[in-house]
Every structure is written in structure tokens, then in C-alpha cells.
PDB file of N, CA and C in Angstrom:
ATOM      1  N   UNK A   1       0.996  -0.842  -0.117  1.00  0.00           N
ATOM      2  CA  UNK A   1       0.038   0.268   0.285  1.00  0.00           C
ATOM      3  C   UNK A   1       0.936   1.588  -0.160  1.00  0.00           C
ATOM      4  N   UNK A   2       0.522   2.285  -0.676  1.00  0.00           N
ATOM      5  CA  UNK A   2       0.899   3.625  -0.912  1.00  0.00           C
ATOM      6  C   UNK A   2       1.131   4.303   0.596  1.00  0.00           C
ATOM      7  N   UNK A   3       2.433   4.750   0.956  1.00  0.00           N
ATOM      8  CA  UNK A   3       2.504   5.840   1.954  1.00  0.00           C
ATOM      9  C   UNK A   3       1.820   7.177   1.635  1.00  0.00           C
ATOM     10  N   UNK A   4       0.912   7.566   2.117  1.00  0.00           N
ATOM     11  CA  UNK A   4      -0.007   9.006   1.017  1.00  0.00           C
ATOM     12  C   UNK A   4       0.584  10.152   1.952  1.00  0.00           C
ATOM     13  N   UNK A   5       1.392   9.864   3.156  1.00  0.00           N
ATOM     14  CA  UNK A   5       2.242  11.083   3.437  1.00  0.00           C
ATOM     15  C   UNK A   5       3.312  11.690   2.588  1.00  0.00           C
ATOM     16  N   UNK A   6       3.810  10.813   1.877  1.00  0.00           N
ATOM     17  CA  UNK A   6       4.993  10.955   0.814  1.00  0.00           C
ATOM     18  C   UNK A   6       4.186  11.983  -0.175  1.00  0.00           C
ATOM     19  N   UNK A   7       4.528  13.110  -0.795  1.00  0.00           N
ATOM     20  CA  UNK A   7       4.265  13.770  -1.945  1.00  0.00           C
ATOM     21  C   UNK A   7       4.223  13.039  -3.056  1.00  0.00           C
ATOM     22  N   UNK A   8       5.349  12.403  -3.185  1.00  0.00           N
ATOM     23  CA  UNK A   8       5.678  11.509  -4.575  1.00  0.00           C
ATOM     24  C   UNK A   8       4.395  10.511  -4.662  1.00  0.00           C
ATOM     25  N   UNK A   9       4.297   9.815  -3.635  1.00  0.00           N
ATOM     26  CA  UNK A   9       3.416   8.674  -3.587  1.00  0.00           C
ATOM     27  C   UNK A   9       1.703   9.396  -3.727  1.00  0.00           C
ATOM     28  N   UNK A  10       1.345  10.912  -3.332  1.00  0.00           N
ATOM     29  CA  UNK A  10       0.185  11.506  -3.360  1.00  0.00           C
ATOM     30  C   UNK A  10      -0.005  11.692  -5.057  1.00  0.00           C
ATOM     31  N   UNK A  11       0.831  12.277  -5.542  1.00  0.00           N
ATOM     32  CA  UNK A  11       0.945  12.398  -6.985  1.00  0.00           C
ATOM     33  C   UNK A  11       0.527  11.284  -7.703  1.00  0.00           C
ATOM     34  N   UNK A  12       0.958   9.980  -7.453  1.00  0.00           N
ATOM     35  CA  UNK A  12       0.908   8.895  -7.767  1.00  0.00           C
ATOM     36  C   UNK A  12      -0.717   8.567  -7.698  1.00  0.00           C
ATOM     37  N   UNK A  13      -1.084   8.603  -6.537  1.00  0.00           N
ATOM     38  CA  UNK A  13      -2.658   8.295  -6.129  1.00  0.00           C
ATOM     39  C   UNK A  13      -3.490   9.415  -6.873  1.00  0.00           C
ATOM     40  N   UNK A  14      -3.256  10.381  -7.040  1.00  0.00           N
ATOM     41  CA  UNK A  14      -4.038  11.387  -7.682  1.00  0.00           C
ATOM     42  C   UNK A  14      -4.113  11.296  -9.244  1.00  0.00           C
ATOM     43  N   UNK A  15      -2.877  11.029  -9.725  1.00  0.00           N
ATOM     44  CA  UNK A  15      -2.764  10.653 -11.275  1.00  0.00           C
ATOM     45  C   UNK A  15      -3.701   9.205 -11.531  1.00  0.00           C
ATOM     46  N   UNK A  16      -3.657   8.385 -10.674  1.00  0.00           N
ATOM     47  CA  UNK A  16      -4.482   6.998 -11.174  1.00  0.00           C
ATOM     48  C   UNK A  16      -5.808   7.091 -10.731  1.00  0.00           C
ATOM     49  N   UNK A  17      -6.566   8.333  -9.543  1.00  0.00           N
ATOM     50  CA  UNK A  17      -7.649   8.570  -9.673  1.00  0.00           C
ATOM     51  C   UNK A  17      -8.100   9.090 -10.884  1.00  0.00           C
ATOM     52  N   UNK A  18      -7.348  10.064 -11.545  1.00  0.00           N
ATOM     53  CA  UNK A  18      -7.799  11.302 -12.578  1.00  0.00           C
ATOM     54  C   UNK A  18      -7.869   9.742 -13.877  1.00  0.00           C
ATOM     55  N   UNK A  19      -7.146   9.108 -14.091  1.00  0.00           N
ATOM     56  CA  UNK A  19      -7.139   7.983 -15.177  1.00  0.00           C
ATOM     57  C   UNK A  19      -8.492   6.986 -14.870  1.00  0.00           C
ATOM     58  N   UNK A  20      -8.353   6.856 -13.603  1.00  0.00           N
ATOM     59  CA  UNK A  20      -9.571   5.919 -13.081  1.00  0.00           C
ATOM     60  C   UNK A  20     -11.047   6.529 -13.403  1.00  0.00           C
ATOM     61  N   UNK A  21     -11.077   7.671 -13.285  1.00  0.00           N
ATOM     62  CA  UNK A  21     -12.458   8.457 -13.233  1.00  0.00           C
ATOM     63  C   UNK A  21     -12.765   8.625 -14.724  1.00  0.00           C
ATOM     64  N   UNK A  22     -11.460   9.005 -15.315  1.00  0.00           N
ATOM     65  CA  UNK A  22     -11.975   9.367 -16.902  1.00  0.00           C
ATOM     66  C   UNK A  22     -12.475   7.794 -17.797  1.00  0.00           C
ATOM     67  N   UNK A  23     -11.814   6.798 -17.312  1.00  0.00           N
ATOM     68  CA  UNK A  23     -11.993   5.566 -18.082  1.00  0.00           C
ATOM     69  C   UNK A  23     -13.691   5.368 -17.574  1.00  0.00           C
ATOM     70  N   UNK A  24     -14.132   5.579 -16.334  1.00  0.00           N
ATOM     71  CA  UNK A  24     -15.312   5.585 -15.803  1.00  0.00           C
ATOM     72  C   UNK A  24     -16.470   6.049 -16.370  1.00  0.00           C
ATOM     73  N   UNK A  25     -16.159   7.176 -16.984  1.00  0.00           N
ATOM     74  CA  UNK A  25     -17.083   8.302 -17.277  1.00  0.00           C
ATOM     75  C   UNK A  25     -17.049   8.575 -18.657  1.00  0.00           C
ATOM     76  N   UNK A  26     -16.246   7.764 -19.472  1.00  0.00           N
ATOM     77  CA  UNK A  26     -15.839   8.369 -20.775  1.00  0.00           C
ATOM     78  C   UNK A  26     -17.199   7.495 -21.386  1.00  0.00           C
ATOM     79  N   UNK A  27     -17.540   6.268 -21.155  1.00  0.00           N
ATOM     80  CA  UNK A  27     -18.614   5.900 -21.797  1.00  0.00           C
ATOM     81  C   UNK A  27     -19.990   6.375 -22.130  1.00  0.00           C
ATOM     82  N   UNK A  28     -20.193   6.997 -20.519  1.00  0.00           N
ATOM     83  CA  UNK A  28     -21.413   7.429 -20.504  1.00  0.00           C
ATOM     84  C   UNK A  28     -21.396   8.739 -21.062  1.00  0.00           C
ATOM     85  N   UNK A  29     -20.387   9.487 -20.893  1.00  0.00           N
ATOM     86  CA  UNK A  29     -20.203  10.977 -21.675  1.00  0.00           C
ATOM     87  C   UNK A  29     -20.506  10.413 -23.109  1.00  0.00           C
ATOM     88  N   UNK A  30     -20.007   9.814 -23.805  1.00  0.00           N
ATOM     89  CA  UNK A  30     -19.978   9.384 -25.159  1.00  0.00           C
ATOM     90  C   UNK A  30     -21.524   8.884 -25.804  1.00  0.00           C
ATOM     91  N   UNK A  31     -22.447   8.678 -24.667  1.00  0.00           N
ATOM     92  CA  UNK A  31     -23.643   8.140 -24.872  1.00  0.00           C
ATOM     93  C   UNK A  31     -24.482   9.519 -24.712  1.00  0.00           C
ATOM     94  N   UNK A  32     -24.030   9.986 -23.731  1.00  0.00           N
ATOM     95  CA  UNK A  32     -24.761  11.435 -23.616  1.00  0.00           C
ATOM     96  C   UNK A  32     -24.780  12.360 -24.422  1.00  0.00           C
ATOM     97  N   UNK A  33     -23.350  12.383 -25.118  1.00  0.00           N
ATOM     98  CA  UNK A  33     -23.165  13.293 -26.477  1.00  0.00           C
ATOM     99  C   UNK A  33     -24.046  12.839 -27.326  1.00  0.00           C
ATOM    100  N   UNK A  34     -24.272  11.420 -27.924  1.00  0.00           N
ATOM    101  CA  UNK A  34     -25.352  11.127 -28.642  1.00  0.00           C
ATOM    102  C   UNK A  34     -26.430  11.694 -28.946  1.00  0.00           C
ATOM    103  N   UNK A  35     -26.871  11.823 -27.978  1.00  0.00           N
ATOM    104  CA  UNK A  35     -28.498  12.279 -27.557  1.00  0.00           C
ATOM    105  C   UNK A  35     -28.484  13.775 -27.304  1.00  0.00           C
ATOM    106  N   UNK A  36     -27.364  14.503 -27.331  1.00  0.00           N
ATOM    107  CA  UNK A  36     -27.538  16.253 -27.122  1.00  0.00           C
ATOM    108  C   UNK A  36     -27.363  16.294 -25.984  1.00  0.00           C
ATOM    109  N   UNK A  37     -26.726  15.497 -25.086  1.00  0.00           N
ATOM    110  CA  UNK A  37     -26.781  15.839 -23.489  1.00  0.00           C
ATOM    111  C   UNK A  37     -25.554  15.831 -22.908  1.00  0.00           C
ATOM    112  N   UNK A  38     -25.233  16.203 -21.599  1.00  0.00           N
ATOM    113  CA  UNK A  38     -24.154  16.453 -21.183  1.00  0.00           C
ATOM    114  C   UNK A  38     -24.328  15.745 -19.801  1.00  0.00           C
ATOM    115  N   UNK A  39     -23.401  15.942 -18.854  1.00  0.00           N
ATOM    116  CA  UNK A  39     -23.287  15.589 -17.777  1.00  0.00           C
ATOM    117  C   UNK A  39     -24.300  16.329 -16.760  1.00  0.00           C
ATOM    118  N   UNK A  40     -24.539  17.702 -16.932  1.00  0.00           N
ATOM    119  CA  UNK A  40     -25.563  18.360 -16.293  1.00  0.00           C
ATOM    120  C   UNK A  40     -26.955  17.961 -16.580  1.00  0.00           C
ATOM    121  N   UNK A  41     -27.265  17.498 -17.653  1.00  0.00           N
ATOM    122  CA  UNK A  41     -28.669  16.582 -18.146  1.00  0.00           C
ATOM    123  C   UNK A  41     -28.793  15.678 -17.437  1.00  0.00           C
ATOM    124  N   UNK A  42     -27.792  14.658 -16.850  1.00  0.00           N
ATOM    125  CA  UNK A  42     -27.733  13.467 -16.567  1.00  0.00           C
ATOM    126  C   UNK A  42     -27.951  13.700 -15.519  1.00  0.00           C
ATOM    127  N   UNK A  43     -27.137  14.664 -14.614  1.00  0.00           N
ATOM    128  CA  UNK A  43     -27.376  14.818 -13.167  1.00  0.00           C
ATOM    129  C   UNK A  43     -28.941  15.296 -12.932  1.00  0.00           C
ATOM    130  N   UNK A  44     -29.123  16.337 -13.713  1.00  0.00           N
ATOM    131  CA  UNK A  44     -30.976  16.763 -13.282  1.00  0.00           C
ATOM    132  C   UNK A  44     -32.016  15.720 -13.359  1.00  0.00           C
ATOM    133  N   UNK A  45     -31.764  14.695 -14.607  1.00  0.00           N
ATOM    134  CA  UNK A  45     -32.892  13.618 -14.582  1.00  0.00           C
ATOM    135  C   UNK A  45     -32.446  12.548 -13.408  1.00  0.00           C
ATOM    136  N   UNK A  46     -31.274  12.539 -13.101  1.00  0.00           N
ATOM    137  CA  UNK A  46     -31.140  11.805 -11.611  1.00  0.00           C
ATOM    138  C   UNK A  46     -31.575  12.346 -10.407  1.00  0.00           C
ATOM    139  N   UNK A  47     -31.658  13.606 -10.111  1.00  0.00           N
ATOM    140  CA  UNK A  47     -32.216  13.962  -8.758  1.00  0.00           C
ATOM    141  C   UNK A  47     -33.535  14.126  -8.765  1.00  0.00           C
ATOM    142  N   UNK A  48     -34.175  14.626 -10.175  1.00  0.00           N
ATOM    143  CA  UNK A  48     -35.724  14.839 -10.178  1.00  0.00           C
ATOM    144  C   UNK A  48     -36.279  13.183 -10.107  1.00  0.00           C
ATOM    145  N   UNK A  49     -35.550  12.305 -10.752  1.00  0.00           N
ATOM    146  CA  UNK A  49     -36.142  10.776 -10.417  1.00  0.00           C
ATOM    147  C   UNK A  49     -36.014  10.199  -9.152  1.00  0.00           C
ATOM    148  N   UNK A  50     -34.965  10.786  -8.251  1.00  0.00           N
ATOM    149  CA  UNK A  50     -34.404  10.183  -6.959  1.00  0.00           C
ATOM    150  C   UNK A  50     -35.575  11.095  -5.797  1.00  0.00           C
ATOM    151  N   UNK A  51     -35.841  12.318  -6.144  1.00  0.00           N
ATOM    152  CA  UNK A  51     -36.971  12.959  -5.287  1.00  0.00           C
ATOM    153  C   UNK A  51     -37.892  14.029  -6.352  1.00  0.00           C
ATOM    154  N   UNK A  52     -38.716  13.296  -6.709  1.00  0.00           N
ATOM    155  CA  UNK A  52     -39.874  13.764  -7.434  1.00  0.00           C
ATOM    156  C   UNK A  52     -40.642  15.092  -7.436  1.00  0.00           C
ATOM    157  N   UNK A  53     -40.624  15.499  -6.017  1.00  0.00           N
ATOM    158  CA  UNK A  53     -41.257  16.465  -5.662  1.00  0.00           C
ATOM    159  C   UNK A  53     -39.914  17.744  -5.417  1.00  0.00           C
ATOM    160  N   UNK A  54     -38.883  17.382  -5.757  1.00  0.00           N
ATOM    161  CA  UNK A  54     -37.981  18.526  -5.685  1.00  0.00           C
ATOM    162  C   UNK A  54     -38.303  19.818  -6.369  1.00  0.00           C
ATOM    163  N   UNK A  55     -38.289  20.823  -5.578  1.00  0.00           N
ATOM    164  CA  UNK A  55     -38.299  22.045  -6.463  1.00  0.00           C
ATOM    165  C   UNK A  55     -37.168  22.536  -7.122  1.00  0.00           C
ATOM    166  N   UNK A  56     -37.612  23.855  -7.876  1.00  0.00           N
ATOM    167  CA  UNK A  56     -36.339  23.940  -8.771  1.00  0.00           C
ATOM    168  C   UNK A  56     -35.166  24.910  -7.728  1.00  0.00           C
ATOM    169  N   UNK A  57     -35.342  25.284  -6.621  1.00  0.00           N
ATOM    170  CA  UNK A  57     -34.653  25.933  -5.891  1.00  0.00           C
ATOM    171  C   UNK A  57     -33.693  24.986  -5.041  1.00  0.00           C
ATOM    172  N   UNK A  58     -34.362  23.615  -4.725  1.00  0.00           N
ATOM    173  CA  UNK A  58     -33.833  22.656  -4.142  1.00  0.00           C
ATOM    174  C   UNK A  58     -33.009  22.088  -4.962  1.00  0.00           C
ATOM    175  N   UNK A  59     -33.181  21.922  -6.713  1.00  0.00           N
ATOM    176  CA  UNK A  59     -32.545  21.319  -7.456  1.00  0.00           C
ATOM    177  C   UNK A  59     -31.068  22.272  -7.557  1.00  0.00           C
ATOM    178  N   UNK A  60     -31.195  23.418  -7.497  1.00  0.00           N
ATOM    179  CA  UNK A  60     -30.349  24.461  -7.615  1.00  0.00           C
ATOM    180  C   UNK A  60     -29.086  24.009  -6.491  1.00  0.00           C
ATOM    181  N   UNK A  61     -29.843  24.092  -5.256  1.00  0.00           N
ATOM    182  CA  UNK A  61     -28.877  23.856  -4.027  1.00  0.00           C
ATOM    183  C   UNK A  61     -28.102  22.272  -4.432  1.00  0.00           C
ATOM    184  N   UNK A  62     -28.758  21.231  -4.201  1.00  0.00           N
ATOM    185  CA  UNK A  62     -28.187  20.261  -4.703  1.00  0.00           C
ATOM    186  C   UNK A  62     -27.398  19.887  -5.595  1.00  0.00           C
ATOM    187  N   UNK A  63     -27.481  20.797  -7.099  1.00  0.00           N
ATOM    188  CA  UNK A  63     -26.323  20.418  -7.873  1.00  0.00           C
ATOM    189  C   UNK A  63     -25.335  21.691  -7.684  1.00  0.00           C
ATOM    190  N   UNK A  64     -25.579  22.932  -6.986  1.00  0.00           N
ATOM    191  CA  UNK A  64     -24.786  23.606  -6.614  1.00  0.00           C
ATOM    192  C   UNK A  64     -24.348  24.651  -7.727  1.00  0.00           C
ATOM    193  N   UNK A  65     -25.249  24.689  -8.621  1.00  0.00           N
ATOM    194  CA  UNK A  65     -25.503  25.370  -9.912  1.00  0.00           C
ATOM    195  C   UNK A  65     -26.243  26.890  -9.560  1.00  0.00           C
ATOM    196  N   UNK A  66     -26.022  27.788 -10.680  1.00  0.00           N
ATOM    197  CA  UNK A  66     -26.849  28.878 -10.795  1.00  0.00           C
ATOM    198  C   UNK A  66     -27.811  28.606 -11.330  1.00  0.00           C
ATOM    199  N   UNK A  67     -29.008  29.506 -11.395  1.00  0.00           N
ATOM    200  CA  UNK A  67     -30.024  29.356 -11.863  1.00  0.00           C
ATOM    201  C   UNK A  67     -30.036  29.309 -13.580  1.00  0.00           C
ATOM    202  N   UNK A  68     -28.710  30.500 -14.202  1.00  0.00           N
ATOM    203  CA  UNK A  68     -28.455  30.295 -15.439  1.00  0.00           C
ATOM    204  C   UNK A  68     -27.914  28.956 -16.107  1.00  0.00           C
ATOM    205  N   UNK A  69     -27.165  28.654 -15.287  1.00  0.00           N
ATOM    206  CA  UNK A  69     -26.533  27.186 -15.748  1.00  0.00           C
ATOM    207  C   UNK A  69     -27.410  26.318 -15.825  1.00  0.00           C
ATOM    208  N   UNK A  70     -28.623  26.060 -15.117  1.00  0.00           N
ATOM    209  CA  UNK A  70     -29.724  25.111 -14.852  1.00  0.00           C
ATOM    210  C   UNK A  70     -30.490  25.667 -16.057  1.00  0.00           C
ATOM    211  N   UNK A  71     -30.850  26.459 -16.405  1.00  0.00           N
ATOM    212  CA  UNK A  71     -32.039  27.054 -17.133  1.00  0.00           C
ATOM    213  C   UNK A  71     -31.850  26.124 -18.392  1.00  0.00           C
ATOM    214  N   UNK A  72     -30.967  26.559 -19.237  1.00  0.00           N
ATOM    215  CA  UNK A  72     -31.258  26.140 -20.470  1.00  0.00           C
ATOM    216  C   UNK A  72     -30.946  24.368 -20.569  1.00  0.00           C
ATOM    217  N   UNK A  73     -30.600  23.606 -19.833  1.00  0.00           N
ATOM    218  CA  UNK A  73     -30.619  21.969 -19.954  1.00  0.00           C
ATOM    219  C   UNK A  73     -32.038  21.619 -19.107  1.00  0.00           C
ATOM    220  N   UNK A  74     -32.354  22.401 -18.495  1.00  0.00           N
ATOM    221  CA  UNK A  74     -33.479  21.646 -17.929  1.00  0.00           C
ATOM    222  C   UNK A  74     -34.664  22.367 -18.502  1.00  0.00           C
ATOM    223  N   UNK A  75     -34.679  23.398 -19.361  1.00  0.00           N
ATOM    224  CA  UNK A  75     -36.277  23.964 -20.647  1.00  0.00           C
ATOM    225  C   UNK A  75     -35.523  22.537 -21.370  1.00  0.00           C
ATOM    226  N   UNK A  76     -34.680  21.961 -21.855  1.00  0.00           N
ATOM    227  CA  UNK A  76     -34.353  21.486 -22.990  1.00  0.00           C
ATOM    228  C   UNK A  76     -35.013  19.800 -22.179  1.00  0.00           C
ATOM    229  N   UNK A  77     -35.114  19.313 -21.342  1.00  0.00           N
ATOM    230  CA  UNK A  77     -35.281  18.151 -20.821  1.00  0.00           C
ATOM    231  C   UNK A  77     -36.943  18.613 -21.023  1.00  0.00           C
ATOM    232  N   UNK A  78     -37.335  19.585 -20.236  1.00  0.00           N
ATOM    233  CA  UNK A  78     -39.146  19.745 -20.235  1.00  0.00           C
ATOM    234  C   UNK A  78     -39.654  19.766 -21.683  1.00  0.00           C
ATOM    235  N   UNK A  79     -38.664  20.582 -22.692  1.00  0.00           N
ATOM    236  CA  UNK A  79     -39.339  20.343 -24.106  1.00  0.00           C
ATOM    237  C   UNK A  79     -39.321  18.924 -24.669  1.00  0.00           C
ATOM    238  N   UNK A  80     -38.481  18.148 -24.155  1.00  0.00           N
ATOM    239  CA  UNK A  80     -38.590  16.704 -24.968  1.00  0.00           C
ATOM    240  C   UNK A  80     -39.394  15.542 -23.854  1.00  0.00           C
ATOM    241  N   UNK A  81     -39.929  16.034 -22.959  1.00  0.00           N
ATOM    242  CA  UNK A  81     -40.973  15.658 -22.364  1.00  0.00           C
ATOM    243  C   UNK A  81     -40.217  14.847 -21.369  1.00  0.00           C
ATOM    244  N   UNK A  82     -39.038  15.007 -20.923  1.00  0.00           N
ATOM    245  CA  UNK A  82     -38.655  14.123 -20.326  1.00  0.00           C
ATOM    246  C   UNK A  82     -38.230  14.240 -18.627  1.00  0.00           C
ATOM    247  N   UNK A  83     -38.756  15.545 -18.524  1.00  0.00           N
ATOM    248  CA  UNK A  83     -39.111  15.722 -17.003  1.00  0.00           C
ATOM    249  C   UNK A  83     -40.206  16.770 -17.182  1.00  0.00           C
ATOM    250  N   UNK A  84     -40.986  17.006 -16.029  1.00  0.00           N
ATOM    251  CA  UNK A  84     -41.971  17.941 -16.314  1.00  0.00           C
ATOM    252  C   UNK A  84     -42.088  19.063 -15.316  1.00  0.00           C
ATOM    253  N   UNK A  85     -42.485  19.981 -15.328  1.00  0.00           N
ATOM    254  CA  UNK A  85     -42.957  21.195 -13.842  1.00  0.00           C
ATOM    255  C   UNK A  85     -44.058  21.282 -14.105  1.00  0.00           C
ATOM    256  N   UNK A  86     -44.046  21.510 -12.662  1.00  0.00           N
ATOM    257  CA  UNK A  86     -45.740  21.577 -11.978  1.00  0.00           C
ATOM    258  C   UNK A  86     -45.316  22.291 -10.892  1.00  0.00           C
ATOM    259  N   UNK A  87     -46.752  23.141 -10.767  1.00  0.00           N
ATOM    260  CA  UNK A  87     -46.894  23.957  -9.267  1.00  0.00           C
ATOM    261  C   UNK A  87     -46.879  23.220  -8.274  1.00  0.00           C
ATOM    262  N   UNK A  88     -45.775  24.120  -6.981  1.00  0.00           N
ATOM    263  CA  UNK A  88     -45.610  23.046  -5.736  1.00  0.00           C
ATOM    264  C   UNK A  88     -47.296  22.866  -5.069  1.00  0.00           C
ATOM    265  N   UNK A  89     -47.298  21.686  -4.677  1.00  0.00           N
ATOM    266  CA  UNK A  89     -48.515  21.693  -3.889  1.00  0.00           C
ATOM    267  C   UNK A  89     -48.624  22.382  -2.696  1.00  0.00           C
ATOM    268  N   UNK A  90     -49.744  22.682  -1.953  1.00  0.00           N
ATOM    269  CA  UNK A  90     -50.267  23.287  -0.935  1.00  0.00           C
ATOM    270  C   UNK A  90     -50.756  22.514  -0.079  1.00  0.00           C
TER     271      UNK A  90
END
């Protein structure tokens, strides 16, 4: 096992993590791109599916993005009937 207290080993571990993550996400990114989507679309759909009554404000908080960053992909998903927007229940 690497001694992660040594800077050289920290760099090796970070590099391994980077390439592992890149390999892990490459196919998903390719599939999303074929459909005109990006990771932000995937994250939106994931959290809406997980929490169906999530408000836009809550979605912004969960994703950690601005309204401007969320607007275009969310509108695209709504236009494609992949998600829907509803008034909050009272």
C-alpha cells in the first residue's frame, strides 16, 4: 500500500484517480453526447427521478449551480418531455 504521507505517492494516487475516473465516465459521456446531452442533463434527471417533488430552488442547491447554468438544460429536458414542471402542492 502506498504511504500517502509522501508527496510523490500522493501524486501517483491522484494520477491513478484521474485516469480511473476518466475511464469510468468516458462511455457515459459518449452516450450522452450522442443524444445531445451532457453530464448536467444526467444530474438533473437523476435527482428529479430520485426526489420527484424537488423544487427548482432545491435542485439548484443540490446541484450547486446557478439559475443560469440550470435554465437551458432543464428547459431542453422539459421540451423533450423527459421531465415536467408543476406548481408546488399546497
